[in-house]
Amino acid sequence: MLLRLFSHLILISFLSINFAESSESGGMPQLNPEFWFSQIFWLIITFGILFITLSKLILPKISETLEVRKSQISENIEAAEKEREESENKIKEYEKIILDSKTEAKNYFNKAREKILKDIDKKKEILESEINEEINKAEIEISEFVSNSPEKINKIAAETSSDLIKQLIGIEVNNSSIAAIVEDISRKVREKNHEI
């Protein structure tokens, strides 16, 4: 690029020589044709030194800096890509852990529920068996009470009748005769209740 610029400057200077020769000899000294060769010489020396300085010192540093930046950018992009992949993997692991935890919690809940239901069923069976035993005992006691009650009632009735007669009349009556009368009356009452 600098070479192209340098060649354009030389071309312009040669063209301007022809233009200057046709102009008057007076005026600005830069346009005086007798100084043009020295001006072109110093122009070439100045641009040559400038070209060498730029191409050997400044441009390599600039290109090196650009290369370093380019490599840093590519390294940063690669590092960012790795971090993105790692974060995606961590997210997948996190989601898997959450899913496994939910599944495990659901299994624990189901097992606990089944155990509670089994315990309730066992307790229900035990309670039902205890209730049935109590009912059977009560039925046995009631049936014994019912079977023994006429005798006890008759005995109480005979004793009460004997005491009443003794208190009313003042005579002691034979307990066996009163017991026979009470037994006869209670038998008639039972027969009458069975008919109803």
C-alpha atoms as a PDB file:
ATOM      1  CA  MET A   1       0.000   0.000   0.000  1.00  0.00           C
ATOM      2  CA  LEU A   2       2.819   2.369   0.835  1.00  0.00           C
ATOM      3  CA  LEU A   3       4.579   1.421  -2.383  1.00  0.00           C
ATOM      4  CA  ARG A   4       1.500   2.274  -4.350  1.00  0.00           C
ATOM      5  CA  LEU A   5       1.239   5.603  -2.555  1.00  0.00           C
ATOM      6  CA  PHE A   6       4.920   6.272  -3.172  1.00  0.00           C
ATOM      7  CA  SER A   7       4.565   5.491  -6.889  1.00  0.00           C
ATOM      8  CA  HIS A   8       1.565   7.847  -7.112  1.00  0.00           C
ATOM      9  CA  LEU A   9       3.595  10.630  -5.522  1.00  0.00           C
ATOM     10  CA  ILE A  10       6.443  10.169  -7.976  1.00  0.00           C
ATOM     11  CA  LEU A  11       4.031  10.213 -10.891  1.00  0.00           C
ATOM     12  CA  ILE A  12       2.376  13.369  -9.615  1.00  0.00           C
ATOM     13  CA  SER A  13       5.756  15.044  -9.157  1.00  0.00           C
ATOM     14  CA  PHE A  14       6.835  14.253 -12.729  1.00  0.00           C
ATOM     15  CA  LEU A  15       3.572  15.532 -14.046  1.00  0.00           C
ATOM     16  CA  SER A  16       3.909  18.682 -12.049  1.00  0.00           C
ATOM     17  CA  ILE A  17       7.434  19.216 -13.519  1.00  0.00           C
ATOM     18  CA  ASN A  18       5.928  19.571 -16.936  1.00  0.00           C
ATOM     19  CA  PHE A  19       3.315  21.909 -15.592  1.00  0.00           C
ATOM     20  CA  ALA A  20       5.889  24.004 -13.735  1.00  0.00           C
ATOM     21  CA  GLU A  21       8.151  24.407 -16.789  1.00  0.00           C
ATOM     22  CA  SER A  22       5.310  25.923 -18.629  1.00  0.00           C
ATOM     23  CA  SER A  23       4.600  28.376 -15.795  1.00  0.00           C
ATOM     24  CA  GLU A  24       6.580  31.505 -15.092  1.00  0.00           C
ATOM     25  CA  SER A  25       9.919  31.327 -13.376  1.00  0.00           C
ATOM     26  CA  GLY A  26       8.838  33.566 -10.506  1.00  0.00           C
ATOM     27  CA  GLY A  27       6.600  32.736  -7.579  1.00  0.00           C
ATOM     28  CA  MET A  28       6.912  30.020  -5.004  1.00  0.00           C
ATOM     29  CA  PRO A  29      10.322  28.286  -4.773  1.00  0.00           C
ATOM     30  CA  GLN A  30       8.716  24.839  -4.508  1.00  0.00           C
ATOM     31  CA  LEU A  31       7.367  25.277  -8.006  1.00  0.00           C
ATOM     32  CA  ASN A  32      10.736  26.315  -9.402  1.00  0.00           C
ATOM     33  CA  PRO A  33      11.967  23.465 -11.628  1.00  0.00           C
ATOM     34  CA  GLU A  34      15.601  23.795 -10.630  1.00  0.00           C
ATOM     35  CA  PHE A  35      14.780  22.618  -7.054  1.00  0.00           C
ATOM     36  CA  TRP A  36      12.582  19.735  -8.082  1.00  0.00           C
ATOM     37  CA  PHE A  37      15.260  17.087  -8.252  1.00  0.00           C
ATOM     38  CA  SER A  38      16.474  17.841  -4.746  1.00  0.00           C
ATOM     39  CA  GLN A  39      12.878  17.876  -3.528  1.00  0.00           C
ATOM     40  CA  ILE A  40      12.177  14.529  -5.180  1.00  0.00           C
ATOM     41  CA  PHE A  41      15.421  13.109  -3.703  1.00  0.00           C
ATOM     42  CA  TRP A  42      14.503  14.170  -0.180  1.00  0.00           C
ATOM     43  CA  LEU A  43      10.949  13.035  -0.748  1.00  0.00           C
ATOM     44  CA  ILE A  44      12.197   9.566  -1.706  1.00  0.00           C
ATOM     45  CA  ILE A  45      14.612   9.470   1.270  1.00  0.00           C
ATOM     46  CA  THR A  46      11.899  10.653   3.713  1.00  0.00           C
ATOM     47  CA  PHE A  47       9.251   8.259   2.418  1.00  0.00           C
ATOM     48  CA  GLY A  48      11.793   5.437   2.242  1.00  0.00           C
ATOM     49  CA  ILE A  49      12.774   5.935   5.892  1.00  0.00           C
ATOM     50  CA  LEU A  50       9.117   6.248   6.808  1.00  0.00           C
ATOM     51  CA  PHE A  51       8.300   3.088   4.821  1.00  0.00           C
ATOM     52  CA  ILE A  52      11.157   1.113   6.421  1.00  0.00           C
ATOM     53  CA  THR A  53      10.236   2.349   9.916  1.00  0.00           C
ATOM     54  CA  LEU A  54       6.595   1.439   9.418  1.00  0.00           C
ATOM     55  CA  SER A  55       7.247  -1.934   7.765  1.00  0.00           C
ATOM     56  CA  LYS A  56      10.048  -3.080  10.108  1.00  0.00           C
ATOM     57  CA  LEU A  57       9.081  -1.597  13.492  1.00  0.00           C
ATOM     58  CA  ILE A  58       5.509  -0.406  13.808  1.00  0.00           C
ATOM     59  CA  LEU A  59       3.494  -2.728  11.542  1.00  0.00           C
ATOM     60  CA  PRO A  60       4.984  -5.962  12.989  1.00  0.00           C
ATOM     61  CA  LYS A  61       4.061  -4.817  16.497  1.00  0.00           C
ATOM     62  CA  ILE A  62       0.557  -3.949  15.365  1.00  0.00           C
ATOM     63  CA  SER A  63       0.136  -7.277  13.552  1.00  0.00           C
ATOM     64  CA  GLU A  64       1.576  -9.133  16.574  1.00  0.00           C
ATOM     65  CA  THR A  65      -0.885  -7.342  18.866  1.00  0.00           C
ATOM     66  CA  LEU A  66      -3.716  -8.214  16.485  1.00  0.00           C
ATOM     67  CA  GLU A  67      -2.614 -11.863  16.436  1.00  0.00           C
ATOM     68  CA  VAL A  68      -2.415 -11.946  20.249  1.00  0.00           C
ATOM     69  CA  ARG A  69      -5.871 -10.429  20.494  1.00  0.00           C
ATOM     70  CA  LYS A  70      -7.197 -12.852  17.909  1.00  0.00           C
ATOM     71  CA  SER A  71      -5.736 -15.816  19.808  1.00  0.00           C
ATOM     72  CA  GLN A  72      -7.096 -14.472  23.118  1.00  0.00           C
ATOM     73  CA  ILE A  73     -10.513 -14.020  21.575  1.00  0.00           C
ATOM     74  CA  SER A  74     -10.483 -17.558  20.172  1.00  0.00           C
ATOM     75  CA  GLU A  75      -9.305 -18.918  23.554  1.00  0.00           C
ATOM     76  CA  ASN A  76     -12.039 -16.959  25.316  1.00  0.00           C
ATOM     77  CA  ILE A  77     -14.619 -18.289  22.862  1.00  0.00           C
ATOM     78  CA  GLU A  78     -13.391 -21.848  23.437  1.00  0.00           C
ATOM     79  CA  ALA A  79     -13.419 -21.339  27.219  1.00  0.00           C
ATOM     80  CA  ALA A  80     -16.929 -19.871  27.024  1.00  0.00           C
ATOM     81  CA  GLU A  81     -18.059 -22.839  24.926  1.00  0.00           C
ATOM     82  CA  LYS A  82     -16.588 -25.269  27.472  1.00  0.00           C
ATOM     83  CA  GLU A  83     -18.266 -23.397  30.316  1.00  0.00           C
ATOM     84  CA  ARG A  84     -21.562 -23.460  28.437  1.00  0.00           C
ATOM     85  CA  GLU A  85     -21.263 -27.220  27.874  1.00  0.00           C
ATOM     86  CA  GLU A  86     -20.353 -27.755  31.535  1.00  0.00           C
ATOM     87  CA  SER A  87     -23.286 -25.633  32.685  1.00  0.00           C
ATOM     88  CA  GLU A  88     -25.622 -27.578  30.379  1.00  0.00           C
ATOM     89  CA  ASN A  89     -24.267 -30.834  31.816  1.00  0.00           C
ATOM     90  CA  LYS A  90     -24.728 -29.483  35.358  1.00  0.00           C
ATOM     91  CA  ILE A  91     -28.291 -28.459  34.504  1.00  0.00           C
ATOM     92  CA  LYS A  92     -28.984 -31.940  33.119  1.00  0.00           C
ATOM     93  CA  GLU A  93     -27.478 -33.525  36.256  1.00  0.00           C
ATOM     94  CA  TYR A  94     -29.541 -31.189  38.445  1.00  0.00           C
ATOM     95  CA  GLU A  95     -32.728 -32.065  36.550  1.00  0.00           C
ATOM     96  CA  LYS A  96     -31.890 -35.773  36.824  1.00  0.00           C
ATOM     97  CA  ILE A  97     -31.275 -35.427  40.574  1.00  0.00           C
ATOM     98  CA  ILE A  98     -34.609 -33.608  40.964  1.00  0.00           C
ATOM     99  CA  LEU A  99     -36.421 -36.268  38.923  1.00  0.00           C
ATOM    100  CA  ASP A 100     -34.763 -39.082  40.912  1.00  0.00           C
ATOM    101  CA  SER A 101     -35.612 -37.318  44.173  1.00  0.00           C
ATOM    102  CA  LYS A 102     -39.229 -36.912  43.123  1.00  0.00           C
ATOM    103  CA  THR A 103     -39.414 -40.570  42.120  1.00  0.00           C
ATOM    104  CA  GLU A 104     -37.773 -41.670  45.355  1.00  0.00           C
ATOM    105  CA  ALA A 105     -40.059 -39.455  47.437  1.00  0.00           C
ATOM    106  CA  LYS A 106     -43.070 -40.836  45.586  1.00  0.00           C
ATOM    107  CA  ASN A 107     -41.870 -44.394  46.257  1.00  0.00           C
ATOM    108  CA  TYR A 108     -41.336 -43.598  49.955  1.00  0.00           C
ATOM    109  CA  PHE A 109     -44.787 -42.056  50.129  1.00  0.00           C
ATOM    110  CA  ASN A 110     -46.385 -45.072  48.429  1.00  0.00           C
ATOM    111  CA  LYS A 111     -44.519 -47.499  50.725  1.00  0.00           C
ATOM    112  CA  ALA A 112     -45.520 -45.512  53.810  1.00  0.00           C
ATOM    113  CA  ARG A 113     -49.104 -45.365  52.607  1.00  0.00           C
ATOM    114  CA  GLU A 114     -49.177 -49.113  51.957  1.00  0.00           C
ATOM    115  CA  LYS A 115     -47.655 -49.772  55.381  1.00  0.00           C
ATOM    116  CA  ILE A 116     -50.189 -47.489  57.063  1.00  0.00           C
ATOM    117  CA  LEU A 117     -53.040 -49.190  55.189  1.00  0.00           C
ATOM    118  CA  LYS A 118     -51.704 -52.616  56.189  1.00  0.00           C
ATOM    119  CA  ASP A 119     -51.377 -51.455  59.793  1.00  0.00           C
ATOM    120  CA  ILE A 120     -54.912 -50.074  59.688  1.00  0.00           C
ATOM    121  CA  ASP A 121     -56.203 -53.343  58.217  1.00  0.00           C
ATOM    122  CA  LYS A 122     -54.369 -55.349  60.906  1.00  0.00           C
ATOM    123  CA  LYS A 123     -55.650 -53.087  63.656  1.00  0.00           C
ATOM    124  CA  LYS A 124     -59.130 -53.262  62.150  1.00  0.00           C
ATOM    125  CA  GLU A 125     -58.976 -57.062  62.125  1.00  0.00           C
ATOM    126  CA  ILE A 126     -57.656 -57.115  65.698  1.00  0.00           C
ATOM    127  CA  LEU A 127     -60.354 -54.672  66.806  1.00  0.00           C
ATOM    128  CA  GLU A 128     -63.066 -56.666  65.027  1.00  0.00           C
ATOM    129  CA  SER A 129     -61.842 -59.890  66.616  1.00  0.00           C
ATOM    130  CA  GLU A 130     -61.773 -58.217  70.067  1.00  0.00           C
ATOM    131  CA  ILE A 131     -65.269 -56.837  69.507  1.00  0.00           C
ATOM    132  CA  ASN A 132     -66.487 -60.261  68.391  1.00  0.00           C
ATOM    133  CA  GLU A 133     -64.928 -61.839  71.489  1.00  0.00           C
ATOM    134  CA  GLU A 134     -66.601 -59.246  73.734  1.00  0.00           C
ATOM    135  CA  ILE A 135     -69.920 -59.800  71.960  1.00  0.00           C
ATOM    136  CA  ASN A 136     -69.568 -63.568  72.401  1.00  0.00           C
ATOM    137  CA  LYS A 137     -68.728 -63.116  76.095  1.00  0.00           C
ATOM    138  CA  ALA A 138     -71.677 -60.768  76.531  1.00  0.00           C
ATOM    139  CA  GLU A 139     -73.986 -63.201  74.740  1.00  0.00           C
ATOM    140  CA  ILE A 140     -72.747 -66.037  76.933  1.00  0.00           C
ATOM    141  CA  GLU A 141     -73.243 -63.940  80.075  1.00  0.00           C
ATOM    142  CA  ILE A 142     -76.692 -62.870  78.901  1.00  0.00           C
ATOM    143  CA  SER A 143     -77.681 -66.433  78.054  1.00  0.00           C
ATOM    144  CA  GLU A 144     -76.364 -67.628  81.442  1.00  0.00           C
ATOM    145  CA  PHE A 145     -78.170 -64.777  83.157  1.00  0.00           C
ATOM    146  CA  VAL A 146     -81.383 -65.574  81.263  1.00  0.00           C
ATOM    147  CA  SER A 147     -81.089 -69.281  82.023  1.00  0.00           C
ATOM    148  CA  ASN A 148     -80.291 -68.663  85.700  1.00  0.00           C
ATOM    149  CA  SER A 149     -82.660 -65.746  86.226  1.00  0.00           C
ATOM    150  CA  PRO A 150     -85.906 -67.744  86.621  1.00  0.00           C
ATOM    151  CA  GLU A 151     -84.363 -69.780  89.420  1.00  0.00           C
ATOM    152  CA  LYS A 152     -82.993 -66.679  91.109  1.00  0.00           C
ATOM    153  CA  ILE A 153     -86.236 -64.811  90.608  1.00  0.00           C
ATOM    154  CA  ASN A 154     -88.184 -67.742  91.986  1.00  0.00           C
ATOM    155  CA  LYS A 155     -85.809 -67.987  94.954  1.00  0.00           C
ATOM    156  CA  ILE A 156     -86.067 -64.244  95.637  1.00  0.00           C
ATOM    157  CA  ALA A 157     -89.838 -64.348  95.181  1.00  0.00           C
ATOM    158  CA  ALA A 158     -90.115 -67.312  97.590  1.00  0.00           C
ATOM    159  CA  GLU A 159     -87.955 -65.620 100.215  1.00  0.00           C
ATOM    160  CA  THR A 160     -89.783 -62.306  99.832  1.00  0.00           C
ATOM    161  CA  SER A 161     -93.196 -64.064 100.024  1.00  0.00           C
ATOM    162  CA  SER A 162     -92.120 -65.990 103.104  1.00  0.00           C
ATOM    163  CA  ASP A 163     -90.947 -62.786 104.806  1.00  0.00           C
ATOM    164  CA  LEU A 164     -94.165 -60.930 103.864  1.00  0.00           C
ATOM    165  CA  ILE A 165     -96.386 -63.685 105.182  1.00  0.00           C
ATOM    166  CA  LYS A 166     -94.370 -63.829 108.371  1.00  0.00           C
ATOM    167  CA  GLN A 167     -94.643 -60.073 108.839  1.00  0.00           C
ATOM    168  CA  LEU A 168     -98.320 -59.891 107.877  1.00  0.00           C
ATOM    169  CA  ILE A 169     -99.676 -62.957 109.590  1.00  0.00           C
ATOM    170  CA  GLY A 170     -96.875 -63.691 111.989  1.00  0.00           C
ATOM    171  CA  ILE A 171     -96.677 -67.395 111.061  1.00  0.00           C
ATOM    172  CA  GLU A 172     -93.662 -69.087 109.544  1.00  0.00           C
ATOM    173  CA  VAL A 173     -94.535 -70.880 106.346  1.00  0.00           C
ATOM    174  CA  ASN A 174     -92.646 -73.827 104.855  1.00  0.00           C
ATOM    175  CA  ASN A 175     -90.211 -72.519 102.182  1.00  0.00           C
ATOM    176  CA  SER A 176     -90.705 -75.576  99.952  1.00  0.00           C
ATOM    177  CA  SER A 177     -94.453 -75.029  99.621  1.00  0.00           C
ATOM    178  CA  ILE A 178     -93.969 -71.323  98.801  1.00  0.00           C
ATOM    179  CA  ALA A 179     -91.222 -72.249  96.302  1.00  0.00           C
ATOM    180  CA  ALA A 180     -93.609 -74.697  94.577  1.00  0.00           C
ATOM    181  CA  ILE A 181     -96.339 -72.030  94.317  1.00  0.00           C
ATOM    182  CA  VAL A 182     -93.861 -69.444  92.933  1.00  0.00           C
ATOM    183  CA  GLU A 183     -92.511 -72.029  90.444  1.00  0.00           C
ATOM    184  CA  ASP A 184     -96.018 -72.805  89.245  1.00  0.00           C
ATOM    185  CA  ILE A 185     -96.877 -69.121  88.775  1.00  0.00           C
ATOM    186  CA  SER A 186     -93.636 -68.352  86.916  1.00  0.00           C
ATOM    187  CA  ARG A 187     -94.174 -71.355  84.600  1.00  0.00           C
ATOM    188  CA  LYS A 188     -97.646 -70.069  83.712  1.00  0.00           C
ATOM    189  CA  VAL A 189     -96.217 -66.586  83.037  1.00  0.00           C
ATOM    190  CA  ARG A 190     -93.508 -68.017  80.773  1.00  0.00           C
ATOM    191  CA  GLU A 191     -96.028 -70.073  78.829  1.00  0.00           C
ATOM    192  CA  LYS A 192     -98.187 -67.001  78.439  1.00  0.00           C
ATOM    193  CA  ASN A 193     -95.180 -64.948  77.172  1.00  0.00           C
ATOM    194  CA  HIS A 194     -94.247 -67.683  74.660  1.00  0.00           C
ATOM    195  CA  GLU A 195     -97.767 -67.654  73.241  1.00  0.00           C
ATOM    196  CA  ILE A 196     -97.551 -63.927  72.590  1.00  0.00           C
END
